[in-house]
Amino acid sequence: MNELKPSPALHCANCEAVLQGEFCHECGQSIHSVLKPVSHMLEDAGDIFFHMDERIIHTVPPLYTKPGFLTLEYFSGRRVRYIAPFRLMFVFCLLCFFFIHLAISGSKLGESSGEQDSISAFATAETADDVHEQYRAQIRDVLATEKDPNVPAPARMGLAAARGVIREAANRRLAELKAPLIPAEVGENDPDAVKLKHDDFMSRHDAVDIGWLPAAVNARLTTGVEHLKLNLALLSNHGPQRKEAVARIVEGVFGVLPQTMFVMIPVFALVLKLFYVFRRRLYVEHLIVALHSHAFIFFALLLITLLGYAKGAIGPHVPFAGGVIGVVSFAMWVWIPVYLLIMQKRVYRQGWGMTILKYWLIGSVYFWLLMFALTIAIIIGISH
C-alpha cells in the first residue's frame, strides 16, 4: 500500500513562518505575488481606491435614496459590506470638483461676449472707411472710461492695453484690405507687455514680513500677494491676458477647494457636537454623520453636473428630453435639503420641531463658516 505523505508546508517569503491562510500571521504579508499582468494591477488599484466590488452596490444606492441609513448601519457595527465613510466622501469630492471644474472651464469663463463681438466686428467691414469708423467709435468709448477719475489706476492701465488690442484688430482687417495701418496713439500700452506696466503699481507694496513666521512662509506670502495684485489688475483689462488671468484663478481655486472641504468636515462635526451636546454622543459619531452627509452632497452635485452635460448635448436636438432633464435636475436640487433634514431626524431621533429648529441653526452657522472658508479659498486662488 502507498503511504500517505504530508504535503509540504508553505512558508512566508518575508519571515519564513508557516502559512495558514492568505496572509502571514506573523508579519501580515500576503501570499500573492505582486508580479501580475497589467489587468490585475488595474483591478487592485481600483479596489484600493474605491473598493470596486459588491460594496458599491450596497453603498451608493442607499447613500442617495435612504437618508441616514449608512450612518445607522455603521453605528450598529454592520460595516464590512459598505464603503468606509471617509473613502466614500473622498472619492465623490474629487469626482464632483473635477466635473464642475470641467463645466466651468468649458463655459469660457472670463470672456466677455460684448468684447468679442466688438473685436470681431472689424472682420465684417467691407472698406477701409468702415474699419476706421468702427475703430473711432470703440476708441471713443474706451477713452471716455479711461478719463473717468473714479476708475482705479490698474483699470486705466488695462484700458490703455485694450486700445492696443482694438488697434491690432483693426490693422489686421486693414492689412487684408491692403489699406494703410493705424499708428499707435499716445499713451497706448502694448497688450503683450501689460505685466511690465504694473511694476510701479506693485512696487509700492513692501514684502510680507511677519516676525513669528518662518522666512520661507513670508517669502511665499509675498509672492502670493504679488500674484494676487497682478491677477486683479489683469482682470480689469479687456485684452487677451484677461482670459489667462481668469484661467489661473479658476485653476487656483479648484486646486484648494478639496482641501478646504476636508477641513470643513471636522468643523461641521464640531458644530453637530455643540448642538447635540446633551445627547451624549462621541465626536467620532458626529464625524461619521458629517462624512456621510458630505458624501451625499458631493454625489448629488456630481449627478446634477452630469445631467447638465447631458442636457447640453441632447437639449438642442431633442427639446422635450432637455426639458425632462431640467425638471429632474430641479427635483434633485430640492432633494438635497430634504435628505439632510430627514437624515438628521433619523440619526439623532428628536421630535420634528426640535429637529427643524436645530437643522436651521446648524445650517446657518455652517453656511457662514463655509462662506468664510470659500472666501479664503478664492483669495488663495486669485494669488495663484
Protein backbone atom coordinates (compact mmCIF):
# COMPACT_ATOMS: atom_id res chain seq x y z
CA MET A 1 0.00 0.00 0.00
CA ASN A 2 1.11 3.53 -0.73
CA GLU A 3 1.86 5.51 2.37
CA LEU A 4 0.21 8.88 2.88
CA LYS A 5 2.75 11.66 2.97
CA PRO A 6 2.01 15.08 4.40
CA SER A 7 2.06 17.91 1.84
CA PRO A 8 4.93 20.33 2.25
CA ALA A 9 4.04 23.39 4.25
CA LEU A 10 4.17 26.86 2.68
CA HIS A 11 6.44 29.37 4.32
CA CYS A 12 6.26 33.15 4.27
CA ALA A 13 8.85 34.58 1.91
CA ASN A 14 9.39 37.51 4.29
CA CYS A 15 9.76 35.90 7.75
CA GLU A 16 9.66 32.15 6.85
CA ALA A 17 6.78 31.45 9.24
CA VAL A 18 4.47 28.56 8.34
CA LEU A 19 1.49 29.95 6.44
CA GLN A 20 -2.05 29.05 7.47
CA GLY A 21 -4.02 31.30 5.12
CA GLU A 22 -3.67 34.03 2.53
CA PHE A 23 -1.78 36.26 4.97
CA CYS A 24 1.14 35.52 7.26
CA HIS A 25 0.05 35.50 10.91
CA GLU A 26 3.49 36.76 11.95
CA CYS A 27 4.20 39.73 9.67
CA GLY A 28 0.93 40.12 7.77
CA GLN A 29 2.41 39.81 4.27
CA SER A 30 0.11 38.42 1.57
CA ILE A 31 1.00 35.14 -0.10
CA HIS A 32 0.02 36.55 -3.51
CA SER A 33 2.81 37.78 -5.75
CA VAL A 34 2.92 41.41 -6.86
CA LEU A 35 4.25 40.30 -10.26
CA LYS A 36 0.93 40.25 -12.13
CA PRO A 37 -0.39 41.22 -15.55
CA VAL A 38 -1.41 44.85 -16.02
CA SER A 39 -5.11 43.94 -15.90
CA HIS A 40 -4.70 42.53 -12.37
CA MET A 41 -2.73 45.60 -11.31
CA LEU A 42 -5.52 47.91 -12.51
CA GLU A 43 -8.06 45.78 -10.65
CA ASP A 44 -6.03 46.02 -7.44
CA ALA A 45 -5.63 49.79 -7.88
CA GLY A 46 -9.39 50.17 -8.29
CA ASP A 47 -10.00 48.09 -5.19
CA ILE A 48 -7.59 50.22 -3.16
CA PHE A 49 -9.12 53.46 -4.42
CA PHE A 50 -12.83 52.66 -4.29
CA HIS A 51 -13.29 49.02 -3.26
CA MET A 52 -14.68 48.28 -6.71
CA ASP A 53 -16.69 45.22 -5.79
CA GLU A 54 -20.16 44.48 -4.44
CA ARG A 55 -19.66 47.21 -1.82
CA ILE A 56 -20.58 49.79 -4.47
CA ILE A 57 -23.97 48.12 -4.98
CA HIS A 58 -24.62 48.08 -1.24
CA THR A 59 -23.37 51.62 -0.64
CA VAL A 60 -24.21 54.06 -3.44
CA PRO A 61 -27.98 53.46 -3.86
CA PRO A 62 -28.82 53.81 -0.14
CA LEU A 63 -26.45 56.76 0.13
CA TYR A 64 -28.69 58.69 -2.24
CA THR A 65 -32.13 57.24 -1.53
CA LYS A 66 -32.09 56.34 2.21
CA PRO A 67 -31.20 59.30 4.45
CA GLY A 68 -29.21 58.20 7.48
CA PHE A 69 -29.25 54.51 6.56
CA LEU A 70 -25.49 54.10 6.11
CA THR A 71 -24.78 56.08 9.28
CA LEU A 72 -27.09 53.92 11.39
CA GLU A 73 -25.63 50.76 9.84
CA TYR A 74 -22.15 51.98 10.73
CA PHE A 75 -23.21 52.72 14.30
CA SER A 76 -24.74 49.23 14.56
CA GLY A 77 -21.45 47.57 13.61
CA ARG A 78 -22.57 46.39 10.17
CA ARG A 79 -19.72 47.95 8.20
CA VAL A 80 -17.93 45.32 6.12
CA ARG A 81 -20.43 45.38 3.23
CA TYR A 82 -20.23 49.16 2.81
CA ILE A 83 -17.52 51.53 1.62
CA ALA A 84 -15.84 53.34 4.52
CA PRO A 85 -17.26 56.85 5.13
CA PHE A 86 -14.03 58.76 4.54
CA ARG A 87 -13.21 56.88 1.34
CA LEU A 88 -16.75 57.43 0.10
CA MET A 89 -16.58 61.17 0.77
CA PHE A 90 -13.05 61.46 -0.62
CA VAL A 91 -13.86 59.84 -3.97
CA PHE A 92 -17.10 61.74 -4.56
CA CYS A 93 -15.45 65.00 -3.51
CA LEU A 94 -12.70 64.63 -6.09
CA LEU A 95 -15.09 63.49 -8.83
CA CYS A 96 -17.53 66.30 -8.06
CA PHE A 97 -14.94 69.08 -8.22
CA PHE A 98 -13.33 67.52 -11.28
CA PHE A 99 -16.52 67.59 -13.36
CA ILE A 100 -17.60 71.00 -12.03
CA HIS A 101 -14.17 72.31 -13.00
CA LEU A 102 -14.63 70.90 -16.49
CA ALA A 103 -18.07 72.50 -16.73
CA ILE A 104 -16.77 75.91 -15.66
CA SER A 105 -13.75 75.69 -17.93
CA GLY A 106 -15.98 74.75 -20.84
CA SER A 107 -18.19 77.78 -20.27
CA LYS A 108 -15.31 80.09 -21.38
CA LEU A 109 -15.39 81.98 -18.13
CA GLY A 110 -13.78 85.39 -18.36
CA GLU A 111 -14.54 86.05 -21.98
CA SER A 112 -16.85 88.98 -22.45
CA SER A 113 -19.31 88.40 -25.28
CA GLY A 114 -19.57 92.12 -25.91
CA GLU A 115 -15.79 92.39 -26.13
CA GLN A 116 -15.55 89.50 -28.57
CA ASP A 117 -18.34 90.95 -30.70
CA SER A 118 -16.67 94.37 -30.89
CA ILE A 119 -13.32 92.89 -31.91
CA SER A 120 -14.81 90.50 -34.45
CA ALA A 121 -16.91 93.33 -35.92
CA PHE A 122 -13.85 94.51 -37.86
CA ALA A 123 -13.97 91.30 -39.90
CA THR A 124 -17.34 92.36 -41.34
CA ALA A 125 -16.06 95.77 -42.51
CA GLU A 126 -16.05 95.91 -46.32
CA THR A 127 -13.95 99.06 -46.80
CA ALA A 128 -11.13 100.84 -45.02
CA ASP A 129 -13.50 103.69 -44.16
CA ASP A 130 -15.78 101.22 -42.35
CA VAL A 131 -12.81 99.94 -40.35
CA HIS A 132 -11.78 103.49 -39.37
CA GLU A 133 -15.35 104.36 -38.38
CA GLN A 134 -15.69 101.30 -36.15
CA TYR A 135 -12.24 101.95 -34.70
CA ARG A 136 -13.07 105.56 -33.80
CA ALA A 137 -16.36 104.52 -32.19
CA GLN A 138 -14.73 101.86 -30.00
CA ILE A 139 -11.74 104.00 -29.04
CA ARG A 140 -14.08 106.87 -28.11
CA ASP A 141 -15.85 104.69 -25.54
CA VAL A 142 -12.58 103.37 -24.09
CA LEU A 143 -11.10 106.87 -23.80
CA ALA A 144 -14.22 108.17 -22.06
CA THR A 145 -13.94 105.43 -19.44
CA GLU A 146 -10.17 105.88 -19.15
CA LYS A 147 -10.52 109.59 -18.37
CA ASP A 148 -13.06 108.95 -15.60
CA PRO A 149 -11.33 109.98 -12.32
CA ASN A 150 -13.25 107.28 -10.41
CA VAL A 151 -11.60 104.49 -12.38
CA PRO A 152 -8.66 103.00 -10.41
CA ALA A 153 -5.12 103.14 -11.81
CA PRO A 154 -4.84 99.39 -12.63
CA ALA A 155 -8.10 99.59 -14.59
CA ARG A 156 -6.84 102.62 -16.54
CA MET A 157 -3.69 100.71 -17.48
CA GLY A 158 -5.88 97.84 -18.61
CA LEU A 159 -7.97 100.17 -20.74
CA ALA A 160 -4.80 101.53 -22.32
CA ALA A 161 -3.88 97.95 -23.22
CA ALA A 162 -7.40 97.44 -24.57
CA ARG A 163 -6.82 100.31 -27.00
CA GLY A 164 -3.82 98.39 -28.33
CA VAL A 165 -5.94 95.27 -28.79
CA ILE A 166 -8.60 97.23 -30.70
CA ARG A 167 -5.96 98.85 -32.91
CA GLU A 168 -4.37 95.47 -33.70
CA ALA A 169 -7.75 94.03 -34.67
CA ALA A 170 -8.45 97.00 -36.90
CA ASN A 171 -5.00 96.79 -38.51
CA ARG A 172 -5.47 93.10 -39.27
CA ARG A 173 -8.57 93.94 -41.29
CA LEU A 174 -6.85 96.93 -42.93
CA ALA A 175 -3.96 94.67 -43.94
CA GLU A 176 -6.45 92.31 -45.55
CA LEU A 177 -7.95 95.26 -47.42
CA LYS A 178 -4.41 96.43 -48.36
CA ALA A 179 -5.02 99.82 -46.75
CA PRO A 180 -2.64 101.93 -44.60
CA LEU A 181 -2.43 100.82 -40.95
CA ILE A 182 -3.48 102.87 -37.95
CA PRO A 183 -0.46 104.11 -35.94
CA ALA A 184 -0.29 103.70 -32.17
CA GLU A 185 -1.81 106.55 -30.17
CA VAL A 186 -0.18 108.47 -27.32
CA GLY A 187 -0.42 106.61 -24.00
CA GLU A 188 -1.42 103.34 -25.60
CA ASN A 189 0.04 100.28 -23.88
CA ASP A 190 1.35 97.22 -25.66
CA PRO A 191 -1.17 94.46 -24.77
CA ASP A 192 1.63 91.90 -24.66
CA ALA A 193 3.57 93.90 -22.06
CA VAL A 194 0.84 94.60 -19.52
CA LYS A 195 2.74 92.78 -16.79
CA LEU A 196 5.68 95.16 -17.14
CA LYS A 197 3.37 98.16 -16.94
CA HIS A 198 2.21 97.06 -13.49
CA ASP A 199 5.67 97.23 -11.93
CA ASP A 200 5.06 100.68 -10.46
CA PHE A 201 1.73 99.59 -9.02
CA MET A 202 3.21 96.52 -7.34
CA SER A 203 6.46 98.12 -6.18
CA ARG A 204 4.59 100.41 -3.82
CA HIS A 205 3.91 97.45 -1.51
CA ASP A 206 6.58 96.13 0.80
CA ALA A 207 7.34 92.44 1.20
CA VAL A 208 5.36 90.48 3.79
CA ASP A 209 7.40 90.20 6.99
CA ILE A 210 5.57 88.60 9.91
CA GLY A 211 8.03 88.09 12.74
CA TRP A 212 6.68 84.81 14.13
CA LEU A 213 6.51 83.12 10.71
CA PRO A 214 9.47 81.35 9.06
CA ALA A 215 11.27 83.20 6.28
CA ALA A 216 10.08 80.67 3.69
CA VAL A 217 6.44 81.30 4.64
CA ASN A 218 6.92 85.08 4.46
CA ALA A 219 8.51 84.69 1.04
CA ARG A 220 5.59 82.56 -0.15
CA LEU A 221 3.10 85.12 1.18
CA THR A 222 4.97 87.91 -0.58
CA THR A 223 4.83 86.02 -3.86
CA GLY A 224 1.15 85.29 -3.32
CA VAL A 225 0.36 88.97 -2.71
CA GLU A 226 2.23 89.94 -5.87
CA HIS A 227 0.31 87.35 -7.89
CA LEU A 228 -2.96 88.49 -6.34
CA LYS A 229 -2.43 92.13 -7.28
CA LEU A 230 -1.24 91.25 -10.76
CA ASN A 231 -4.24 89.00 -11.40
CA LEU A 232 -6.62 91.68 -10.12
CA ALA A 233 -5.01 94.21 -12.41
CA LEU A 234 -5.19 91.87 -15.40
CA LEU A 235 -8.86 91.17 -14.68
CA SER A 236 -9.57 94.84 -15.34
CA ASN A 237 -8.01 94.55 -18.80
CA HIS A 238 -10.02 93.88 -21.92
CA GLY A 239 -7.15 92.23 -23.73
CA PRO A 240 -6.12 88.59 -24.19
CA GLN A 241 -4.32 88.46 -20.85
CA ARG A 242 -7.63 88.73 -19.01
CA LYS A 243 -8.57 85.23 -20.13
CA GLU A 244 -5.23 83.89 -18.93
CA ALA A 245 -5.71 85.57 -15.53
CA VAL A 246 -9.18 84.06 -15.15
CA ALA A 247 -7.84 80.63 -16.10
CA ARG A 248 -5.10 80.91 -13.46
CA ILE A 249 -7.60 81.98 -10.81
CA VAL A 250 -10.00 79.14 -11.62
CA GLU A 251 -7.15 76.62 -11.51
CA GLY A 252 -6.00 78.03 -8.17
CA VAL A 253 -9.47 77.98 -6.60
CA PHE A 254 -10.23 74.42 -7.67
CA GLY A 255 -6.76 73.42 -6.52
CA VAL A 256 -7.62 74.31 -2.92
CA LEU A 257 -11.35 73.51 -2.80
CA PRO A 258 -10.93 69.79 -1.92
CA GLN A 259 -8.52 70.67 0.90
CA THR A 260 -10.95 73.32 2.09
CA MET A 261 -13.77 70.80 2.32
CA PHE A 262 -11.54 68.30 4.13
CA VAL A 263 -11.01 71.00 6.77
CA MET A 264 -14.70 71.94 6.93
CA ILE A 265 -15.96 68.41 7.54
CA PRO A 266 -14.45 68.09 11.06
CA VAL A 267 -15.63 71.66 11.68
CA PHE A 268 -19.17 70.60 10.77
CA ALA A 269 -18.83 67.62 13.10
CA LEU A 270 -17.83 70.02 15.88
CA VAL A 271 -20.93 72.13 15.19
CA LEU A 272 -23.05 68.98 15.46
CA LYS A 273 -21.32 68.12 18.73
CA LEU A 274 -22.15 71.54 20.18
CA PHE A 275 -25.81 71.44 19.17
CA TYR A 276 -26.27 67.84 20.38
CA VAL A 277 -24.03 68.06 23.44
CA PHE A 278 -26.78 66.68 25.70
CA ARG A 279 -27.29 63.60 23.52
CA ARG A 280 -24.02 62.22 24.96
CA ARG A 281 -22.63 61.14 21.61
CA LEU A 282 -18.93 60.86 20.90
CA TYR A 283 -17.31 63.32 18.50
CA VAL A 284 -16.46 60.40 16.19
CA GLU A 285 -20.18 59.70 15.78
CA HIS A 286 -20.79 63.26 14.64
CA LEU A 287 -17.79 62.93 12.31
CA ILE A 288 -19.38 59.86 10.68
CA VAL A 289 -22.58 61.88 10.20
CA ALA A 290 -20.57 64.70 8.63
CA LEU A 291 -18.73 62.32 6.28
CA HIS A 292 -21.89 60.61 5.08
CA SER A 293 -23.81 63.87 4.64
CA HIS A 294 -20.99 65.47 2.65
CA ALA A 295 -20.56 62.30 0.59
CA PHE A 296 -24.24 62.56 -0.32
CA ILE A 297 -23.91 66.26 -1.21
CA PHE A 298 -20.88 65.63 -3.43
CA PHE A 299 -22.59 62.68 -5.11
CA ALA A 300 -25.76 64.70 -5.70
CA LEU A 301 -23.79 67.61 -7.17
CA LEU A 302 -21.88 65.14 -9.35
CA LEU A 303 -25.14 63.72 -10.74
CA ILE A 304 -26.56 67.21 -11.33
CA THR A 305 -23.39 68.23 -13.16
CA LEU A 306 -23.51 65.13 -15.35
CA LEU A 307 -27.17 65.84 -16.11
CA GLY A 308 -26.10 69.34 -17.12
CA TYR A 309 -23.68 67.80 -19.62
CA ALA A 310 -26.47 65.55 -20.92
CA LYS A 311 -28.87 68.48 -21.26
CA GLY A 312 -26.30 70.50 -23.18
CA ALA A 313 -25.71 67.59 -25.57
CA ILE A 314 -29.32 66.41 -26.02
CA GLY A 315 -31.37 69.59 -25.44
CA PRO A 316 -30.58 71.34 -28.76
CA HIS A 317 -31.57 68.22 -30.74
CA VAL A 318 -34.45 66.92 -28.59
CA PRO A 319 -36.05 69.85 -26.73
CA PHE A 320 -38.53 67.60 -24.89
CA ALA A 321 -35.71 65.47 -23.46
CA GLY A 322 -33.85 68.63 -22.43
CA GLY A 323 -36.96 69.82 -20.59
CA VAL A 324 -37.30 66.49 -18.78
CA ILE A 325 -33.65 66.65 -17.73
CA GLY A 326 -34.23 70.17 -16.42
CA VAL A 327 -37.18 69.02 -14.29
CA VAL A 328 -35.18 66.08 -12.94
CA SER A 329 -32.26 68.38 -12.08
CA PHE A 330 -34.59 70.74 -10.22
CA ALA A 331 -36.04 67.82 -8.25
CA MET A 332 -32.52 66.69 -7.36
CA TRP A 333 -31.70 70.18 -6.06
CA VAL A 334 -34.81 70.08 -3.86
CA TRP A 335 -33.91 66.60 -2.62
CA ILE A 336 -30.60 67.77 -1.12
CA PRO A 337 -32.03 69.86 1.81
CA VAL A 338 -34.91 67.42 2.29
CA TYR A 339 -32.49 64.50 2.50
CA LEU A 340 -30.30 66.26 5.08
CA LEU A 341 -33.32 67.10 7.24
CA ILE A 342 -34.60 63.50 7.19
CA MET A 343 -31.09 62.21 7.90
CA GLN A 344 -30.76 64.47 10.94
CA LYS A 345 -34.16 63.30 12.22
CA ARG A 346 -33.35 59.61 11.82
CA VAL A 347 -29.82 59.74 13.27
CA TYR A 348 -30.45 61.94 16.32
CA ARG A 349 -34.05 60.81 16.93
CA GLN A 350 -35.59 64.00 18.22
CA GLY A 351 -39.04 65.43 17.56
CA TRP A 352 -39.74 67.21 14.30
CA GLY A 353 -40.00 70.61 15.97
CA MET A 354 -36.60 70.38 17.66
CA THR A 355 -35.07 68.77 14.58
CA ILE A 356 -36.25 71.56 12.26
CA LEU A 357 -35.05 74.23 14.72
CA LYS A 358 -31.60 72.67 15.06
CA TYR A 359 -31.48 72.00 11.32
CA TRP A 360 -31.99 75.71 10.65
CA LEU A 361 -29.49 76.81 13.30
CA ILE A 362 -26.82 74.29 12.30
CA GLY A 363 -27.31 75.15 8.63
CA SER A 364 -26.99 78.89 9.33
CA VAL A 365 -23.81 78.51 11.39
CA TYR A 366 -22.22 76.13 8.92
CA PHE A 367 -23.23 78.31 5.96
CA TRP A 368 -21.31 81.32 7.28
CA LEU A 369 -18.33 79.18 8.26
CA LEU A 370 -18.36 77.69 4.78
CA MET A 371 -18.60 81.13 3.17
CA PHE A 372 -15.60 82.26 5.19
CA ALA A 373 -13.60 79.18 4.12
CA LEU A 374 -14.60 79.63 0.47
CA THR A 375 -13.57 83.29 0.63
CA ILE A 376 -10.13 82.23 1.84
CA ALA A 377 -10.01 79.65 -0.96
CA ILE A 378 -10.91 82.32 -3.55
CA ILE A 379 -8.24 84.66 -2.21
CA ILE A 380 -5.71 81.85 -2.47
CA GLY A 381 -6.93 81.16 -5.98
CA ILE A 382 -6.52 84.80 -7.01
CA SER A 383 -2.95 84.71 -5.70
CA HIS A 384 -2.19 81.63 -7.85
